[in-house]
Amino acid sequence: LLVYVRIFALAGPVCNARICSALCLALGCAAAFIA
């Protein structure tokens, strides 16, 4: 689901693809650790 958010919601004019991928990876790992 996080990949779909990264592809469809954050891609394009919102931010750079590399920054979005790194941000989603960091937030996903932090949320997974806390959970």
Full PDB file with SEQRES, HELIX, SHEET, SSBOND, CRYST1, ORIGX, SCALE, CONECT and MASTER records, all heavy atoms in Angstrom:
SEQRES   1 A   35  LEU LEU VAL TYR VAL ARG ILE PHE ALA LEU ALA GLY PRO          
SEQRES   2 A   35  VAL CYS ASN ALA ARG ILE CYS SER ALA LEU CYS LEU ALA          
SEQRES   3 A   35  LEU GLY CYS ALA ALA ALA PHE ILE ALA                          
HELIX    1 AA1 LEU A    2  TYR A    4  1                                   3    
HELIX    2 AA2 VAL A    5  ALA A    9  3                                   5    
HELIX    3 AA3 ALA A   17  ILE A   34  1                                  18    
SSBOND   1 CYS A   15    CYS A   20                          1555   1555  1.85  
CRYST1    1.000    1.000    1.000  90.00  90.00  90.00 P 1           1          
ORIGX1      1.000000  0.000000  0.000000        0.00000                         
ORIGX2      0.000000  1.000000  0.000000        0.00000                         
ORIGX3      0.000000  0.000000  1.000000        0.00000                         
SCALE1      1.000000  0.000000  0.000000        0.00000                         
SCALE2      0.000000  1.000000  0.000000        0.00000                         
SCALE3      0.000000  0.000000  1.000000        0.00000                         
ATOM      1  N   LEU A   1       0.830  -1.205   0.000  1.00  0.00           N  
ATOM      2  CA  LEU A   1       0.000   0.000   0.000  1.00  0.00           C  
ATOM      3  C   LEU A   1       0.863   1.253   0.000  1.00  0.00           C  
ATOM      4  O   LEU A   1       0.547   2.238  -0.674  1.00  0.00           O  
ATOM      5  CB  LEU A   1      -0.933  -0.014   1.200  1.00  0.00           C  
ATOM      6  CG  LEU A   1      -1.857   1.180   1.343  1.00  0.00           C  
ATOM      7  CD1 LEU A   1      -2.901   1.178   0.238  1.00  0.00           C  
ATOM      8  CD2 LEU A   1      -2.519   1.159   2.695  1.00  0.00           C  
ATOM      9  N   LEU A   2       1.967   1.223   0.730  1.00  0.00           N  
ATOM     10  CA  LEU A   2       2.903   2.341   0.749  1.00  0.00           C  
ATOM     11  C   LEU A   2       3.501   2.592  -0.636  1.00  0.00           C  
ATOM     12  O   LEU A   2       3.694   3.739  -1.034  1.00  0.00           O  
ATOM     13  CB  LEU A   2       4.015   2.072   1.761  1.00  0.00           C  
ATOM     14  CG  LEU A   2       5.082   3.128   1.930  1.00  0.00           C  
ATOM     15  CD1 LEU A   2       4.481   4.371   2.565  1.00  0.00           C  
ATOM     16  CD2 LEU A   2       6.222   2.601   2.757  1.00  0.00           C  
ATOM     17  N   VAL A   3       3.762   1.529  -1.385  1.00  0.00           N  
ATOM     18  CA  VAL A   3       4.270   1.690  -2.751  1.00  0.00           C  
ATOM     19  C   VAL A   3       3.227   2.363  -3.630  1.00  0.00           C  
ATOM     20  O   VAL A   3       3.555   3.251  -4.428  1.00  0.00           O  
ATOM     21  CB  VAL A   3       4.691   0.324  -3.338  1.00  0.00           C  
ATOM     22  CG1 VAL A   3       4.969   0.425  -4.815  1.00  0.00           C  
ATOM     23  CG2 VAL A   3       5.905  -0.197  -2.622  1.00  0.00           C  
ATOM     24  N   TYR A   4       1.965   1.980  -3.495  1.00  0.00           N  
ATOM     25  CA  TYR A   4       0.918   2.626  -4.280  1.00  0.00           C  
ATOM     26  C   TYR A   4       0.770   4.093  -3.922  1.00  0.00           C  
ATOM     27  O   TYR A   4       0.547   4.931  -4.795  1.00  0.00           O  
ATOM     28  CB  TYR A   4      -0.414   1.899  -4.109  1.00  0.00           C  
ATOM     29  CG  TYR A   4      -0.495   0.641  -4.917  1.00  0.00           C  
ATOM     30  CD1 TYR A   4      -0.569  -0.595  -4.310  1.00  0.00           C  
ATOM     31  CD2 TYR A   4      -0.491   0.684  -6.306  1.00  0.00           C  
ATOM     32  CE1 TYR A   4      -0.633  -1.757  -5.044  1.00  0.00           C  
ATOM     33  CE2 TYR A   4      -0.549  -0.467  -7.056  1.00  0.00           C  
ATOM     34  CZ  TYR A   4      -0.629  -1.682  -6.425  1.00  0.00           C  
ATOM     35  OH  TYR A   4      -0.690  -2.827  -7.160  1.00  0.00           O  
ATOM     36  N   VAL A   5       0.899   4.420  -2.667  1.00  0.00           N  
ATOM     37  CA  VAL A   5       0.859   5.828  -2.255  1.00  0.00           C  
ATOM     38  C   VAL A   5       2.018   6.578  -2.877  1.00  0.00           C  
ATOM     39  O   VAL A   5       1.856   7.685  -3.390  1.00  0.00           O  
ATOM     40  CB  VAL A   5       0.884   5.939  -0.711  1.00  0.00           C  
ATOM     41  CG1 VAL A   5       1.168   7.361  -0.273  1.00  0.00           C  
ATOM     42  CG2 VAL A   5      -0.421   5.463  -0.137  1.00  0.00           C  
ATOM     43  N   ARG A   6       3.198   5.970  -2.864  1.00  0.00           N  
ATOM     44  CA  ARG A   6       4.375   6.613  -3.432  1.00  0.00           C  
ATOM     45  C   ARG A   6       4.222   6.809  -4.940  1.00  0.00           C  
ATOM     46  O   ARG A   6       4.566   7.837  -5.500  1.00  0.00           O  
ATOM     47  CB  ARG A   6       5.627   5.772  -3.134  1.00  0.00           C  
ATOM     48  CG  ARG A   6       6.922   6.431  -3.584  1.00  0.00           C  
ATOM     49  CD  ARG A   6       7.374   5.711  -4.831  1.00  0.00           C  
ATOM     50  NE  ARG A   6       8.546   6.268  -5.445  1.00  0.00           N  
ATOM     51  CZ  ARG A   6       8.529   7.017  -6.534  1.00  0.00           C  
ATOM     52  NH1 ARG A   6       7.408   7.387  -7.068  1.00  0.00           N  
ATOM     53  NH2 ARG A   6       9.643   7.422  -7.087  1.00  0.00           N  
ATOM     54  N   ILE A   7       3.649   5.824  -5.625  1.00  0.00           N  
ATOM     55  CA  ILE A   7       3.538   5.902  -7.086  1.00  0.00           C  
ATOM     56  C   ILE A   7       2.435   6.870  -7.507  1.00  0.00           C  
ATOM     57  O   ILE A   7       2.645   7.718  -8.370  1.00  0.00           O  
ATOM     58  CB  ILE A   7       3.284   4.505  -7.680  1.00  0.00           C  
ATOM     59  CG1 ILE A   7       4.531   3.651  -7.531  1.00  0.00           C  
ATOM     60  CG2 ILE A   7       2.888   4.598  -9.141  1.00  0.00           C  
ATOM     61  CD1 ILE A   7       4.337   2.211  -7.920  1.00  0.00           C  
ATOM     62  N   PHE A   8       1.264   6.736  -6.911  1.00  0.00           N  
ATOM     63  CA  PHE A   8       0.115   7.475  -7.411  1.00  0.00           C  
ATOM     64  C   PHE A   8      -0.133   8.801  -6.709  1.00  0.00           C  
ATOM     65  O   PHE A   8      -0.583   9.755  -7.331  1.00  0.00           O  
ATOM     66  CB  PHE A   8      -1.144   6.612  -7.320  1.00  0.00           C  
ATOM     67  CG  PHE A   8      -1.092   5.418  -8.221  1.00  0.00           C  
ATOM     68  CD1 PHE A   8      -1.062   4.155  -7.689  1.00  0.00           C  
ATOM     69  CD2 PHE A   8      -1.035   5.574  -9.591  1.00  0.00           C  
ATOM     70  CE1 PHE A   8      -1.004   3.042  -8.512  1.00  0.00           C  
ATOM     71  CE2 PHE A   8      -0.969   4.476 -10.422  1.00  0.00           C  
ATOM     72  CZ  PHE A   8      -0.955   3.206  -9.881  1.00  0.00           C  
ATOM     73  N   ALA A   9       0.153   8.900  -5.432  1.00  0.00           N  
ATOM     74  CA  ALA A   9      -0.167  10.126  -4.712  1.00  0.00           C  
ATOM     75  C   ALA A   9       0.995  11.108  -4.672  1.00  0.00           C  
ATOM     76  O   ALA A   9       0.774  12.314  -4.718  1.00  0.00           O  
ATOM     77  CB  ALA A   9      -0.614   9.801  -3.293  1.00  0.00           C  
ATOM     78  N   LEU A  10       2.213  10.609  -4.549  1.00  0.00           N  
ATOM     79  CA  LEU A  10       3.340  11.507  -4.372  1.00  0.00           C  
ATOM     80  C   LEU A  10       4.159  11.737  -5.635  1.00  0.00           C  
ATOM     81  O   LEU A  10       4.973  12.641  -5.664  1.00  0.00           O  
ATOM     82  CB  LEU A  10       4.267  10.972  -3.275  1.00  0.00           C  
ATOM     83  CG  LEU A  10       3.655  10.876  -1.890  1.00  0.00           C  
ATOM     84  CD1 LEU A  10       4.651  10.264  -0.927  1.00  0.00           C  
ATOM     85  CD2 LEU A  10       3.210  12.232  -1.404  1.00  0.00           C  
ATOM     86  N   ALA A  11       3.977  10.913  -6.637  1.00  0.00           N  
ATOM     87  CA  ALA A  11       4.773  11.065  -7.857  1.00  0.00           C  
ATOM     88  C   ALA A  11       4.272  12.253  -8.676  1.00  0.00           C  
ATOM     89  O   ALA A  11       3.149  12.714  -8.529  1.00  0.00           O  
ATOM     90  CB  ALA A  11       4.709   9.802  -8.691  1.00  0.00           C  
ATOM     91  N   GLY A  12       5.137  12.711  -9.539  1.00  0.00           N  
ATOM     92  CA  GLY A  12       4.756  13.789 -10.438  1.00  0.00           C  
ATOM     93  C   GLY A  12       5.115  15.154  -9.901  1.00  0.00           C  
ATOM     94  O   GLY A  12       6.236  15.386  -9.463  1.00  0.00           O  
ATOM     95  N   PRO A  13       4.171  16.062  -9.903  1.00  0.00           N  
ATOM     96  CA  PRO A  13       4.486  17.446  -9.548  1.00  0.00           C  
ATOM     97  C   PRO A  13       4.687  17.687  -8.062  1.00  0.00           C  
ATOM     98  O   PRO A  13       5.146  18.756  -7.683  1.00  0.00           O  
ATOM     99  CB  PRO A  13       3.267  18.218 -10.049  1.00  0.00           C  
ATOM    100  CG  PRO A  13       2.151  17.232 -10.011  1.00  0.00           C  
ATOM    101  CD  PRO A  13       2.784  15.902 -10.341  1.00  0.00           C  
ATOM    102  N   VAL A  14       4.360  16.729  -7.211  1.00  0.00           N  
ATOM    103  CA  VAL A  14       4.457  16.966  -5.772  1.00  0.00           C  
ATOM    104  C   VAL A  14       5.909  17.050  -5.323  1.00  0.00           C  
ATOM    105  O   VAL A  14       6.310  17.985  -4.647  1.00  0.00           O  
ATOM    106  CB  VAL A  14       3.698  15.874  -4.987  1.00  0.00           C  
ATOM    107  CG1 VAL A  14       3.890  16.043  -3.499  1.00  0.00           C  
ATOM    108  CG2 VAL A  14       2.238  15.895  -5.354  1.00  0.00           C  
ATOM    109  N   CYS A  15       6.721  16.051  -5.676  1.00  0.00           N  
ATOM    110  CA  CYS A  15       8.126  16.070  -5.283  1.00  0.00           C  
ATOM    111  C   CYS A  15       8.933  15.182  -6.216  1.00  0.00           C  
ATOM    112  O   CYS A  15       8.389  14.461  -7.041  1.00  0.00           O  
ATOM    113  CB  CYS A  15       8.315  15.641  -3.831  1.00  0.00           C  
ATOM    114  SG  CYS A  15       7.919  13.936  -3.512  1.00  0.00           S  
ATOM    115  N   ASN A  16      10.228  15.244  -6.063  1.00  0.00           N  
ATOM    116  CA  ASN A  16      11.142  14.445  -6.854  1.00  0.00           C  
ATOM    117  C   ASN A  16      10.954  12.966  -6.509  1.00  0.00           C  
ATOM    118  O   ASN A  16      10.698  12.601  -5.364  1.00  0.00           O  
ATOM    119  CB  ASN A  16      12.577  14.891  -6.526  1.00  0.00           C  
ATOM    120  CG  ASN A  16      13.601  14.257  -7.407  1.00  0.00           C  
ATOM    121  OD1 ASN A  16      13.280  13.454  -8.292  1.00  0.00           O  
ATOM    122  ND2 ASN A  16      14.850  14.614  -7.183  1.00  0.00           N  
ATOM    123  N   ALA A  17      11.128  12.082  -7.496  1.00  0.00           N  
ATOM    124  CA  ALA A  17      10.912  10.644  -7.290  1.00  0.00           C  
ATOM    125  C   ALA A  17      11.906  10.070  -6.289  1.00  0.00           C  
ATOM    126  O   ALA A  17      11.551   9.231  -5.457  1.00  0.00           O  
ATOM    127  CB  ALA A  17      11.011   9.906  -8.617  1.00  0.00           C  
ATOM    128  N   ARG A  18      13.139  10.494  -6.336  1.00  0.00           N  
ATOM    129  CA  ARG A  18      14.153   9.979  -5.412  1.00  0.00           C  
ATOM    130  C   ARG A  18      13.860  10.416  -3.972  1.00  0.00           C  
ATOM    131  O   ARG A  18      13.997   9.646  -3.040  1.00  0.00           O  
ATOM    132  CB  ARG A  18      15.533  10.454  -5.833  1.00  0.00           C  
ATOM    133  CG  ARG A  18      16.646   9.885  -4.997  1.00  0.00           C  
ATOM    134  CD  ARG A  18      17.967  10.291  -5.562  1.00  0.00           C  
ATOM    135  NE  ARG A  18      18.114   9.662  -6.874  1.00  0.00           N  
ATOM    136  CZ  ARG A  18      19.207   9.061  -7.272  1.00  0.00           C  
ATOM    137  NH1 ARG A  18      20.252   9.029  -6.500  1.00  0.00           N  
ATOM    138  NH2 ARG A  18      19.279   8.521  -8.464  1.00  0.00           N  
ATOM    139  N   ILE A  19      13.448  11.646  -3.809  1.00  0.00           N  
ATOM    140  CA  ILE A  19      13.121  12.150  -2.478  1.00  0.00           C  
ATOM    141  C   ILE A  19      11.874  11.441  -1.944  1.00  0.00           C  
ATOM    142  O   ILE A  19      11.821  11.055  -0.774  1.00  0.00           O  
ATOM    143  CB  ILE A  19      12.923  13.679  -2.518  1.00  0.00           C  
ATOM    144  CG1 ILE A  19      14.251  14.365  -2.846  1.00  0.00           C  
ATOM    145  CG2 ILE A  19      12.368  14.189  -1.200  1.00  0.00           C  
ATOM    146  CD1 ILE A  19      14.109  15.833  -3.127  1.00  0.00           C  
ATOM    147  N   CYS A  20      10.863  11.241  -2.794  1.00  0.00           N  
ATOM    148  CA  CYS A  20       9.649  10.543  -2.371  1.00  0.00           C  
ATOM    149  C   CYS A  20       9.952   9.106  -1.963  1.00  0.00           C  
ATOM    150  O   CYS A  20       9.412   8.610  -0.976  1.00  0.00           O  
ATOM    151  CB  CYS A  20       8.614  10.543  -3.490  1.00  0.00           C  
ATOM    152  SG  CYS A  20       7.796  12.106  -3.731  1.00  0.00           S  
ATOM    153  N   SER A  21      10.815   8.429  -2.706  1.00  0.00           N  
ATOM    154  CA  SER A  21      11.156   7.049  -2.371  1.00  0.00           C  
ATOM    155  C   SER A  21      11.889   6.972  -1.037  1.00  0.00           C  
ATOM    156  O   SER A  21      11.582   6.122  -0.198  1.00  0.00           O  
ATOM    157  CB  SER A  21      12.015   6.428  -3.467  1.00  0.00           C  
ATOM    158  OG  SER A  21      11.289   6.285  -4.645  1.00  0.00           O  
ATOM    159  N   ALA A  22      12.853   7.851  -0.845  1.00  0.00           N  
ATOM    160  CA  ALA A  22      13.596   7.855   0.414  1.00  0.00           C  
ATOM    161  C   ALA A  22      12.694   8.214   1.592  1.00  0.00           C  
ATOM    162  O   ALA A  22      12.791   7.607   2.668  1.00  0.00           O  
ATOM    163  CB  ALA A  22      14.769   8.826   0.330  1.00  0.00           C  
ATOM    164  N   LEU A  23      11.814   9.161   1.392  1.00  0.00           N  
ATOM    165  CA  LEU A  23      10.887   9.558   2.448  1.00  0.00           C  
ATOM    166  C   LEU A  23       9.920   8.427   2.789  1.00  0.00           C  
ATOM    167  O   LEU A  23       9.694   8.138   3.972  1.00  0.00           O  
ATOM    168  CB  LEU A  23      10.116  10.809   2.023  1.00  0.00           C  
ATOM    169  CG  LEU A  23       9.144  11.379   3.027  1.00  0.00           C  
ATOM    170  CD1 LEU A  23       9.890  11.917   4.238  1.00  0.00           C  
ATOM    171  CD2 LEU A  23       8.323  12.472   2.392  1.00  0.00           C  
ATOM    172  N   CYS A  24       9.360   7.780   1.781  1.00  0.00           N  
ATOM    173  CA  CYS A  24       8.448   6.660   2.043  1.00  0.00           C  
ATOM    174  C   CYS A  24       9.167   5.501   2.708  1.00  0.00           C  
ATOM    175  O   CYS A  24       8.609   4.848   3.583  1.00  0.00           O  
ATOM    176  CB  CYS A  24       7.805   6.194   0.733  1.00  0.00           C  
ATOM    177  SG  CYS A  24       6.496   7.260   0.159  1.00  0.00           S  
ATOM    178  N   LEU A  25      10.404   5.239   2.313  1.00  0.00           N  
ATOM    179  CA  LEU A  25      11.168   4.162   2.936  1.00  0.00           C  
ATOM    180  C   LEU A  25      11.460   4.473   4.402  1.00  0.00           C  
ATOM    181  O   LEU A  25      11.279   3.620   5.281  1.00  0.00           O  
ATOM    182  CB  LEU A  25      12.468   3.925   2.173  1.00  0.00           C  
ATOM    183  CG  LEU A  25      13.350   2.801   2.682  1.00  0.00           C  
ATOM    184  CD1 LEU A  25      12.624   1.472   2.569  1.00  0.00           C  
ATOM    185  CD2 LEU A  25      14.644   2.763   1.898  1.00  0.00           C  
ATOM    186  N   ALA A  26      11.868   5.690   4.690  1.00  0.00           N  
ATOM    187  CA  ALA A  26      12.175   6.074   6.069  1.00  0.00           C  
ATOM    188  C   ALA A  26      10.915   6.075   6.938  1.00  0.00           C  
ATOM    189  O   ALA A  26      10.926   5.537   8.056  1.00  0.00           O  
ATOM    190  CB  ALA A  26      12.829   7.447   6.093  1.00  0.00           C  
ATOM    191  N   LEU A  27       9.833   6.631   6.450  1.00  0.00           N  
ATOM    192  CA  LEU A  27       8.595   6.649   7.225  1.00  0.00           C  
ATOM    193  C   LEU A  27       8.004   5.254   7.388  1.00  0.00           C  
ATOM    194  O   LEU A  27       7.471   4.920   8.446  1.00  0.00           O  
ATOM    195  CB  LEU A  27       7.576   7.580   6.566  1.00  0.00           C  
ATOM    196  CG  LEU A  27       7.908   9.063   6.630  1.00  0.00           C  
ATOM    197  CD1 LEU A  27       6.867   9.871   5.864  1.00  0.00           C  
ATOM    198  CD2 LEU A  27       7.986   9.532   8.054  1.00  0.00           C  
ATOM    199  N   GLY A  28       8.115   4.437   6.355  1.00  0.00           N  
ATOM    200  CA  GLY A  28       7.625   3.057   6.452  1.00  0.00           C  
ATOM    201  C   GLY A  28       8.405   2.240   7.461  1.00  0.00           C  
ATOM    202  O   GLY A  28       7.821   1.479   8.245  1.00  0.00           O  
ATOM    203  N   CYS A  29       9.729   2.394   7.462  1.00  0.00           N  
ATOM    204  CA  CYS A  29      10.553   1.662   8.438  1.00  0.00           C  
ATOM    205  C   CYS A  29      10.308   2.160   9.859  1.00  0.00           C  
ATOM    206  O   CYS A  29      10.258   1.359  10.803  1.00  0.00           O  
ATOM    207  CB  CYS A  29      12.026   1.767   8.071  1.00  0.00           C  
ATOM    208  SG  CYS A  29      12.468   0.770   6.639  1.00  0.00           S  
ATOM    209  N   ALA A  30      10.142   3.457  10.033  1.00  0.00           N  
ATOM    210  CA  ALA A  30       9.864   3.995  11.364  1.00  0.00           C  
ATOM    211  C   ALA A  30       8.507   3.521  11.873  1.00  0.00           C  
ATOM    212  O   ALA A  30       8.376   3.113  13.033  1.00  0.00           O  
ATOM    213  CB  ALA A  30       9.920   5.520  11.336  1.00  0.00           C  
ATOM    214  N   ALA A  31       7.503   3.551  11.011  1.00  0.00           N  
ATOM    215  CA  ALA A  31       6.177   3.079  11.421  1.00  0.00           C  
ATOM    216  C   ALA A  31       6.185   1.580  11.695  1.00  0.00           C  
ATOM    217  O   ALA A  31       5.528   1.108  12.637  1.00  0.00           O  
ATOM    218  CB  ALA A  31       5.151   3.413  10.340  1.00  0.00           C  
ATOM    219  N   ALA A  32       6.931   0.815  10.905  1.00  0.00           N  
ATOM    220  CA  ALA A  32       7.016  -0.628  11.124  1.00  0.00           C  
ATOM    221  C   ALA A  32       7.724  -0.937  12.436  1.00  0.00           C  
ATOM    222  O   ALA A  32       7.336  -1.863  13.160  1.00  0.00           O  
ATOM    223  CB  ALA A  32       7.732  -1.291   9.962  1.00  0.00           C  
ATOM    224  N   PHE A  33       8.759  -0.181  12.766  1.00  0.00           N  
ATOM    225  CA  PHE A  33       9.463  -0.400  14.029  1.00  0.00           C  
ATOM    226  C   PHE A  33       8.552  -0.103  15.217  1.00  0.00           C  
ATOM    227  O   PHE A  33       8.473  -0.890  16.161  1.00  0.00           O  
ATOM    228  CB  PHE A  33      10.721   0.471  14.088  1.00  0.00           C  
ATOM    229  CG  PHE A  33      11.487   0.306  15.367  1.00  0.00           C  
ATOM    230  CD1 PHE A  33      12.322  -0.779  15.547  1.00  0.00           C  
ATOM    231  CD2 PHE A  33      11.362   1.221  16.393  1.00  0.00           C  
ATOM    232  CE1 PHE A  33      13.021  -0.950  16.724  1.00  0.00           C  
ATOM    233  CE2 PHE A  33      12.058   1.072  17.571  1.00  0.00           C  
ATOM    234  CZ  PHE A  33      12.891  -0.016  17.742  1.00  0.00           C  
ATOM    235  N   ILE A  34       7.861   1.013  15.162  1.00  0.00           N  
ATOM    236  CA  ILE A  34       6.967   1.383  16.259  1.00  0.00           C  
ATOM    237  C   ILE A  34       5.834   0.369  16.385  1.00  0.00           C  
ATOM    238  O   ILE A  34       5.477  -0.044  17.489  1.00  0.00           O  
ATOM    239  CB  ILE A  34       6.430   2.814  16.050  1.00  0.00           C  
ATOM    240  CG1 ILE A  34       7.576   3.818  16.214  1.00  0.00           C  
ATOM    241  CG2 ILE A  34       5.302   3.122  17.021  1.00  0.00           C  
ATOM    242  CD1 ILE A  34       7.233   5.213  15.808  1.00  0.00           C  
ATOM    243  N   ALA A  35       5.279  -0.073  15.265  1.00  0.00           N  
ATOM    244  CA  ALA A  35       4.215  -1.070  15.318  1.00  0.00           C  
ATOM    245  C   ALA A  35       4.727  -2.404  15.827  1.00  0.00           C  
ATOM    246  O   ALA A  35       4.053  -3.091  16.600  1.00  0.00           O  
ATOM    247  CB  ALA A  35       3.591  -1.229  13.942  1.00  0.00           C  
TER     248      ALA A  35                                                      
CONECT  114  152                                                                
CONECT  152  114                                                                
MASTER        0    0    0    3    0    0    0    6  247    1    2    3          
END                                                                             
